[in-house]
């Protein structure tokens, strides 16, 4: 499959670029941070995204969506990276939608997916229980009680939890804390008794929260998929998350590179533009070549999602590891080549570095995915 966009995907990318540059520039994130926004995102901008159909890109047409695929959604995520737009797009329109599409019953799909498309329902995915991503480490428990379950436990750094109407939470229905099997996923009303959500502020000024569950009573139909068999679903969601985070990181890298090159064309030092120095040109050329490589692995991984490639997990980990390395390189160079002012809050360049560092850590950092890639290849 050619590593290029078709006409419709290109049009979506250009539409997203135009909309976000006009309605959700980096200055919007700066304002949300400075105002200590209660929601952490601009509701009017999100509603416009919904009206553009972004909330339904991955939803089947039978449930009111566009069924446009992950390559299409990836273009939107990439443009979101360029403007650092804070929104529920990843947590709701990508991860929750993917989870429900993959494992939801027809009843769940009919009840939840149209509401997501219409922008009436926000989700958060709660998997992590430690400082580093280990999806099989699940201490939270779901105990059978009557015809339902009772959940207890804690989750850490749950993106968008404090704005979510529903939570998709992993809990152990059997086995020990480190067993890959015996894990189930549940859909929980965030307003349910026993659910405590504590918002935390991370370096990237985006939404995150600590989640505590204390004797949360759930009906049987809160179970997403089969009991004790969520390992494959979690693996799939990890792959989806990392491929779309990689698209966002690619957007960040491209934007930082372009801003840095433009600065090199304008900034004079010792009577000459700094862009005229060969050593700095070499650094810019290195960034450019790495970004081009990242573009290829990102679109390859997006295509793998759309065709359910047998090597999806391998490609997802290769993608996240490579693009994380590129984003680290480019954001570091961006700050350094801007000189002393690059370290200040006056310029936007630091916002890109902060978001990149958090996105790199979500659902496994570069080292995690290098190890995962090696294991999948039996190295």
Protein backbone atom coordinates (compact mmCIF):
# COMPACT_ATOMS: atom_id res chain seq x y z
CA UNK A 1 0.00 0.00 0.00
CA UNK A 2 1.42 3.38 -1.04
CA UNK A 3 2.39 5.63 1.87
CA UNK A 4 0.37 8.58 0.56
CA UNK A 5 -2.99 10.16 1.32
CA UNK A 6 -5.92 9.86 -1.05
CA UNK A 7 -7.90 12.89 -2.18
CA UNK A 8 -10.50 12.71 0.60
CA UNK A 9 -7.86 12.31 3.32
CA UNK A 10 -5.91 15.25 1.93
CA UNK A 11 -9.04 17.40 1.95
CA UNK A 12 -9.72 16.46 5.58
CA UNK A 13 -6.14 17.34 6.53
CA UNK A 14 -6.35 20.73 4.82
CA UNK A 15 -9.74 21.42 6.41
CA UNK A 16 -8.39 20.57 9.87
CA UNK A 17 -5.33 22.72 9.32
CA UNK A 18 -7.42 25.72 8.33
CA UNK A 19 -9.92 25.34 11.15
CA UNK A 20 -7.39 24.79 13.93
CA UNK A 21 -5.03 27.57 12.86
CA UNK A 22 -7.94 30.01 12.94
CA UNK A 23 -10.02 28.78 15.88
CA UNK A 24 -7.59 26.90 18.16
CA UNK A 25 -4.07 28.37 17.92
CA UNK A 26 -1.44 27.82 20.63
CA UNK A 27 -2.60 31.05 22.23
CA UNK A 28 -5.82 29.26 23.20
CA UNK A 29 -3.89 26.69 25.25
CA UNK A 30 -1.88 29.49 26.84
CA UNK A 31 -5.12 31.25 27.82
CA UNK A 32 -6.62 28.06 29.25
CA UNK A 33 -3.48 27.57 31.33
CA UNK A 34 -3.29 31.15 32.56
CA UNK A 35 -6.97 31.20 33.51
CA UNK A 36 -6.71 27.81 35.24
CA UNK A 37 -9.73 26.75 33.21
CA UNK A 38 -12.09 24.42 35.08
CA UNK A 39 -12.65 22.28 32.00
CA UNK A 40 -9.16 22.52 30.48
CA UNK A 41 -10.56 22.85 26.97
CA UNK A 42 -12.70 25.33 25.05
CA UNK A 43 -16.25 24.01 24.81
CA UNK A 44 -17.14 26.21 21.84
CA UNK A 45 -14.17 24.90 19.86
CA UNK A 46 -15.07 21.31 20.73
CA UNK A 47 -18.65 21.89 19.57
CA UNK A 48 -17.31 23.18 16.26
CA UNK A 49 -15.19 20.04 15.95
CA UNK A 50 -18.33 17.97 16.51
CA UNK A 51 -20.16 19.95 13.83
CA UNK A 52 -17.27 19.27 11.44
CA UNK A 53 -17.86 15.56 12.05
CA UNK A 54 -14.58 14.80 13.83
CA UNK A 55 -16.33 13.05 16.72
CA UNK A 56 -17.76 10.56 14.24
CA UNK A 57 -14.75 9.85 12.02
CA UNK A 58 -14.28 6.37 13.50
CA UNK A 59 -17.97 5.62 14.13
CA UNK A 60 -19.75 3.30 11.67
CA UNK A 61 -22.34 4.89 9.42
CA UNK A 62 -25.01 2.66 10.98
CA UNK A 63 -24.57 4.60 14.22
CA UNK A 64 -24.46 8.06 12.66
CA UNK A 65 -20.71 8.30 12.01
CA UNK A 66 -18.55 8.86 8.96
CA UNK A 67 -16.56 5.60 9.07
CA UNK A 68 -13.61 7.50 7.59
CA UNK A 69 -10.92 5.36 9.17
CA UNK A 70 -7.77 5.82 11.20
CA UNK A 71 -5.73 7.37 8.39
CA UNK A 72 -8.33 10.12 8.23
CA UNK A 73 -8.46 10.59 11.99
CA UNK A 74 -4.65 10.58 12.04
CA UNK A 75 -4.58 13.67 9.85
CA UNK A 76 -6.80 15.49 12.33
CA UNK A 77 -4.60 14.36 15.23
CA UNK A 78 -1.49 15.55 13.39
CA UNK A 79 -2.97 19.00 12.88
CA UNK A 80 -4.03 19.09 16.54
CA UNK A 81 -0.36 18.54 17.35
CA UNK A 82 0.62 21.55 15.28
CA UNK A 83 -1.67 23.84 17.29
CA UNK A 84 -1.51 21.99 20.65
CA UNK A 85 -5.30 21.96 20.71
CA UNK A 86 -6.72 20.71 24.01
CA UNK A 87 -9.93 18.74 23.47
CA UNK A 88 -11.59 15.38 24.29
CA UNK A 89 -10.80 14.15 20.76
CA UNK A 90 -8.31 11.41 21.67
CA UNK A 91 -10.04 10.12 24.80
CA UNK A 92 -13.57 10.16 23.37
CA UNK A 93 -13.56 10.11 19.56
CA UNK A 94 -10.54 7.79 19.24
CA UNK A 95 -10.11 5.56 22.28
CA UNK A 96 -13.66 5.18 23.60
CA UNK A 97 -15.05 4.83 20.10
CA UNK A 98 -12.44 2.18 19.27
CA UNK A 99 -13.19 0.27 22.48
CA UNK A 100 -16.94 0.24 21.88
CA UNK A 101 -16.53 -0.66 18.20
CA UNK A 102 -14.20 -3.51 19.11
CA UNK A 103 -16.00 -5.10 22.06
CA UNK A 104 -19.32 -3.39 22.67
CA UNK A 105 -22.64 -5.19 22.40
CA UNK A 106 -25.18 -3.94 19.89
CA UNK A 107 -27.12 -2.42 22.77
CA UNK A 108 -24.04 -0.54 23.97
CA UNK A 109 -23.19 0.65 20.47
CA UNK A 110 -26.70 1.96 19.84
CA UNK A 111 -26.82 3.71 23.20
CA UNK A 112 -23.32 5.24 23.21
CA UNK A 113 -21.95 5.82 19.71
CA UNK A 114 -24.66 8.21 18.42
CA UNK A 115 -24.25 10.27 21.60
CA UNK A 116 -20.49 10.48 20.96
CA UNK A 117 -21.09 11.59 17.37
CA UNK A 118 -23.48 14.30 18.55
CA UNK A 119 -21.00 15.53 21.16
CA UNK A 120 -23.33 14.69 24.04
CA UNK A 121 -21.07 12.12 25.73
CA UNK A 122 -17.43 12.38 26.78
CA UNK A 123 -15.29 9.43 27.84
CA UNK A 124 -12.00 8.73 29.61
CA UNK A 125 -9.98 5.51 29.49
CA UNK A 126 -8.50 4.47 32.86
CA UNK A 127 -5.80 1.78 32.69
CA UNK A 128 -2.64 2.94 34.49
CA UNK A 129 -2.04 2.15 38.15
CA UNK A 130 1.65 3.02 38.40
CA UNK A 131 4.12 5.69 37.32
CA UNK A 132 5.02 3.73 34.17
CA UNK A 133 2.72 2.06 31.70
CA UNK A 134 2.11 -1.60 32.58
CA UNK A 135 -1.32 -2.64 31.25
CA UNK A 136 -1.17 -6.07 32.89
CA UNK A 137 -0.62 -4.55 36.35
CA UNK A 138 -4.20 -4.30 37.58
CA UNK A 139 -4.87 -4.22 41.31
CA UNK A 140 -8.34 -2.71 40.99
CA UNK A 141 -10.93 -5.43 41.55
CA UNK A 142 -14.41 -6.15 40.27
CA UNK A 143 -16.23 -8.59 42.53
CA UNK A 144 -19.41 -10.31 41.42
CA UNK A 145 -22.36 -9.15 43.47
CA UNK A 146 -25.86 -10.35 42.67
CA UNK A 147 -26.33 -9.76 38.95
CA UNK A 148 -23.64 -7.10 38.78
CA UNK A 149 -20.26 -6.08 40.15
CA UNK A 150 -18.65 -4.01 42.89
CA UNK A 151 -15.47 -2.15 41.90
CA UNK A 152 -12.65 -0.99 44.17
CA UNK A 153 -9.24 0.44 43.34
CA UNK A 154 -7.30 3.41 41.97
CA UNK A 155 -6.11 4.63 38.57
CA UNK A 156 -3.45 7.23 37.89
CA UNK A 157 -3.08 10.00 35.31
CA UNK A 158 -6.38 9.38 33.54
CA UNK A 159 -6.58 11.83 30.64
CA UNK A 160 -9.82 13.87 30.58
CA UNK A 161 -11.33 12.03 33.56
CA UNK A 162 -12.64 15.14 35.29
CA UNK A 163 -14.67 16.20 32.22
CA UNK A 164 -15.87 12.72 31.27
CA UNK A 165 -19.47 11.57 31.52
CA UNK A 166 -18.39 7.92 31.34
CA UNK A 167 -15.22 6.10 32.34
CA UNK A 168 -13.88 2.92 30.76
CA UNK A 169 -11.97 1.23 33.58
CA UNK A 170 -9.91 -1.94 33.77
CA UNK A 171 -10.41 -4.13 36.85
CA UNK A 172 -9.46 -7.63 37.83
CA UNK A 173 -12.20 -10.24 37.97
CA UNK A 174 -9.75 -13.11 38.60
CA UNK A 175 -6.06 -13.87 39.01
CA UNK A 176 -3.17 -12.00 40.63
CA UNK A 177 -2.20 -8.35 40.13
CA UNK A 178 0.32 -9.10 37.36
CA UNK A 179 -1.62 -11.75 35.43
CA UNK A 180 -2.32 -10.87 31.80
CA UNK A 181 -5.59 -12.78 31.99
CA UNK A 182 -8.50 -12.16 34.33
CA UNK A 183 -8.83 -8.45 33.44
CA UNK A 184 -12.18 -6.94 32.45
CA UNK A 185 -13.25 -3.52 31.21
CA UNK A 186 -16.27 -1.70 32.61
CA UNK A 187 -18.20 1.40 31.58
CA UNK A 188 -18.86 3.55 34.65
CA UNK A 189 -20.95 6.69 35.06
CA UNK A 190 -18.54 9.30 36.40
CA UNK A 191 -21.27 10.59 38.71
CA UNK A 192 -21.88 7.17 40.29
CA UNK A 193 -21.62 6.77 44.05
CA UNK A 194 -18.10 5.85 45.14
CA UNK A 195 -16.34 7.47 42.15
CA UNK A 196 -13.82 10.12 43.20
CA UNK A 197 -11.96 12.10 40.52
CA UNK A 198 -9.11 14.41 41.53
CA UNK A 199 -7.80 16.64 38.77
CA UNK A 200 -4.03 17.03 38.53
CA UNK A 201 -2.09 19.60 36.52
CA UNK A 202 0.70 18.24 34.37
CA UNK A 203 3.49 20.11 32.60
CA UNK A 204 1.62 20.18 29.29
CA UNK A 205 -1.37 22.07 30.76
CA UNK A 206 -3.71 19.31 29.56
CA UNK A 207 -6.37 17.41 31.49
CA UNK A 208 -5.39 14.52 33.76
CA UNK A 209 -6.79 13.09 36.97
CA UNK A 210 -6.44 10.49 39.69
CA UNK A 211 -9.39 8.12 39.89
CA UNK A 212 -10.49 6.33 43.07
CA UNK A 213 -13.23 3.72 43.14
CA UNK A 214 -14.78 2.77 46.45
CA UNK A 215 -17.52 0.12 46.42
CA UNK A 216 -18.87 1.28 43.08
CA UNK A 217 -21.92 -0.83 42.24
CA UNK A 218 -22.42 -1.69 38.57
CA UNK A 219 -25.06 -3.65 36.66
CA UNK A 220 -24.05 -6.62 34.53
CA UNK A 221 -24.40 -4.65 31.30
CA UNK A 222 -21.61 -2.29 32.41
CA UNK A 223 -19.15 -4.97 31.30
CA UNK A 224 -17.47 -4.15 27.99
CA UNK A 225 -16.67 -7.36 26.12
CA UNK A 226 -16.24 -10.71 27.83
CA UNK A 227 -15.47 -11.07 31.53
CA UNK A 228 -11.79 -11.71 32.23
CA UNK A 229 -10.86 -11.50 28.56
CA UNK A 230 -9.94 -7.82 28.11
CA UNK A 231 -6.23 -8.42 27.46
CA UNK A 232 -6.65 -8.43 23.67
CA UNK A 233 -8.88 -5.36 23.79
CA UNK A 234 -6.37 -3.48 25.95
CA UNK A 235 -3.58 -4.44 23.55
CA UNK A 236 -5.64 -3.11 20.65
CA UNK A 237 -6.46 0.13 22.48
CA UNK A 238 -2.77 0.56 23.34
CA UNK A 239 -1.93 0.26 19.65
CA UNK A 240 -4.67 2.72 18.68
CA UNK A 241 -3.56 5.20 21.33
CA UNK A 242 0.11 5.06 20.43
CA UNK A 243 -0.47 5.42 16.69
CA UNK A 244 -2.65 8.50 17.18
CA UNK A 245 -0.31 9.97 19.79
CA UNK A 246 2.46 9.44 17.26
CA UNK A 247 0.44 11.43 14.72
CA UNK A 248 0.13 14.23 17.26
CA UNK A 249 3.87 14.06 18.01
CA UNK A 250 4.57 14.22 14.28
CA UNK A 251 2.49 17.40 14.06
CA UNK A 252 4.39 18.86 17.01
CA UNK A 253 7.73 17.99 15.39
CA UNK A 254 6.79 19.56 12.06
CA UNK A 255 5.53 22.75 13.65
CA UNK A 256 8.59 23.17 15.86
CA UNK A 257 10.90 22.49 12.91
CA UNK A 258 9.19 25.08 10.71
CA UNK A 259 9.17 27.69 13.47
CA UNK A 260 12.84 27.04 14.19
CA UNK A 261 13.92 27.30 10.56
CA UNK A 262 11.99 30.55 10.21
CA UNK A 263 13.72 31.91 13.32
CA UNK A 264 17.12 30.92 11.87
CA UNK A 265 16.27 33.00 8.81
CA UNK A 266 15.50 36.07 10.92
CA UNK A 267 17.92 36.00 13.89
CA UNK A 268 21.26 37.73 13.42
CA UNK A 269 24.37 36.99 15.47
CA UNK A 270 27.81 38.55 14.97
CA UNK A 271 26.57 40.34 11.87
CA UNK A 272 25.13 37.29 10.09
CA UNK A 273 21.89 35.34 10.09
CA UNK A 274 22.33 32.24 12.24
CA UNK A 275 20.81 30.19 9.44
CA UNK A 276 23.89 30.95 7.35
CA UNK A 277 26.15 28.96 9.68
CA UNK A 278 26.87 25.56 8.21
CA UNK A 279 26.85 23.75 11.56
CA UNK A 280 23.30 24.92 12.23
CA UNK A 281 22.24 24.04 8.70
CA UNK A 282 23.47 20.49 9.35
CA UNK A 283 21.36 20.31 12.49
CA UNK A 284 18.31 21.51 10.55
CA UNK A 285 18.98 18.98 7.78
CA UNK A 286 19.19 16.19 10.37
CA UNK A 287 15.82 17.19 11.83
CA UNK A 288 14.24 17.33 8.37
CA UNK A 289 15.40 13.84 7.44
CA UNK A 290 14.19 12.38 10.75
CA UNK A 291 10.78 13.99 10.34
CA UNK A 292 10.46 12.51 6.84
CA UNK A 293 11.17 9.05 8.24
CA UNK A 294 8.59 9.64 10.98
CA UNK A 295 5.94 10.55 8.39
CA UNK A 296 6.39 7.18 6.70
CA UNK A 297 6.10 5.04 9.82
CA UNK A 298 3.08 7.01 11.06
CA UNK A 299 1.01 6.58 7.90
CA UNK A 300 2.07 2.92 7.66
CA UNK A 301 0.80 2.31 11.19
CA UNK A 302 -2.45 4.17 10.49
CA UNK A 303 -3.03 2.02 7.42
CA UNK A 304 -2.36 -1.08 9.51
CA UNK A 305 -5.17 -0.05 11.86
CA UNK A 306 -7.61 0.35 9.00
CA UNK A 307 -6.90 -3.09 7.51
CA UNK A 308 -6.39 -4.88 10.86
CA UNK A 309 -2.85 -5.88 9.86
CA UNK A 310 -1.48 -8.96 11.61
CA UNK A 311 1.65 -6.93 12.47
CA UNK A 312 -0.32 -4.07 14.01
CA UNK A 313 1.30 -4.27 17.45
CA UNK A 314 4.77 -4.44 15.92
CA UNK A 315 4.10 -1.39 13.78
CA UNK A 316 2.48 0.52 16.64
CA UNK A 317 5.49 0.06 18.90
CA UNK A 318 7.95 0.85 16.09
CA UNK A 319 5.93 3.98 15.34
CA UNK A 320 5.75 5.23 18.93
CA UNK A 321 9.44 4.52 19.60
CA UNK A 322 10.60 6.28 16.42
CA UNK A 323 8.33 9.30 16.60
CA UNK A 324 9.03 9.81 20.31
CA UNK A 325 12.75 9.94 19.52
CA UNK A 326 12.13 12.40 16.68
CA UNK A 327 9.91 14.63 18.83
CA UNK A 328 12.55 14.69 21.57
CA UNK A 329 15.25 15.61 19.05
CA UNK A 330 13.24 18.34 17.33
CA UNK A 331 11.83 19.98 20.46
CA UNK A 332 15.26 19.98 22.13
CA UNK A 333 16.85 21.50 19.04
CA UNK A 334 13.99 23.97 18.71
CA UNK A 335 14.56 25.35 22.18
CA UNK A 336 18.36 25.40 21.80
CA UNK A 337 18.37 27.08 18.39
CA UNK A 338 16.08 29.79 19.70
CA UNK A 339 18.78 30.57 22.24
CA UNK A 340 18.09 31.96 25.69
CA UNK A 341 14.63 33.23 24.77
CA UNK A 342 13.66 29.66 23.90
CA UNK A 343 13.80 28.84 27.61
CA UNK A 344 11.28 31.53 28.52
CA UNK A 345 7.50 31.48 28.64
CA UNK A 346 7.44 34.41 26.23
CA UNK A 347 7.73 32.11 23.22
CA UNK A 348 5.38 29.25 22.40
CA UNK A 349 8.24 26.86 21.64
CA UNK A 350 8.36 25.57 25.22
CA UNK A 351 4.68 24.56 25.08
CA UNK A 352 5.50 22.11 22.30
CA UNK A 353 8.33 20.53 24.32
CA UNK A 354 6.10 20.11 27.38
CA UNK A 355 3.28 18.50 25.44
CA UNK A 356 5.71 16.23 23.61
CA UNK A 357 7.20 14.95 26.85
CA UNK A 358 3.80 14.02 28.28
CA UNK A 359 2.55 12.45 25.03
CA UNK A 360 5.76 10.42 24.77
CA UNK A 361 5.04 8.89 28.19
CA UNK A 362 1.37 8.07 27.61
CA UNK A 363 0.70 4.39 26.94
CA UNK A 364 4.39 3.54 27.10
CA UNK A 365 7.50 5.59 26.45
CA UNK A 366 10.22 4.96 23.86
CA UNK A 367 12.03 2.40 26.02
CA UNK A 368 8.84 0.48 26.69
CA UNK A 369 8.09 0.22 22.98
CA UNK A 370 11.62 -0.68 22.01
CA UNK A 371 11.41 -3.56 24.49
CA UNK A 372 7.95 -4.52 23.24
CA UNK A 373 9.15 -4.46 19.63
CA UNK A 374 12.09 -6.68 20.53
CA UNK A 375 9.84 -9.14 22.39
CA UNK A 376 7.39 -9.34 19.49
CA UNK A 377 10.32 -10.10 17.20
CA UNK A 378 11.65 -12.74 19.65
CA UNK A 379 14.94 -10.89 20.07
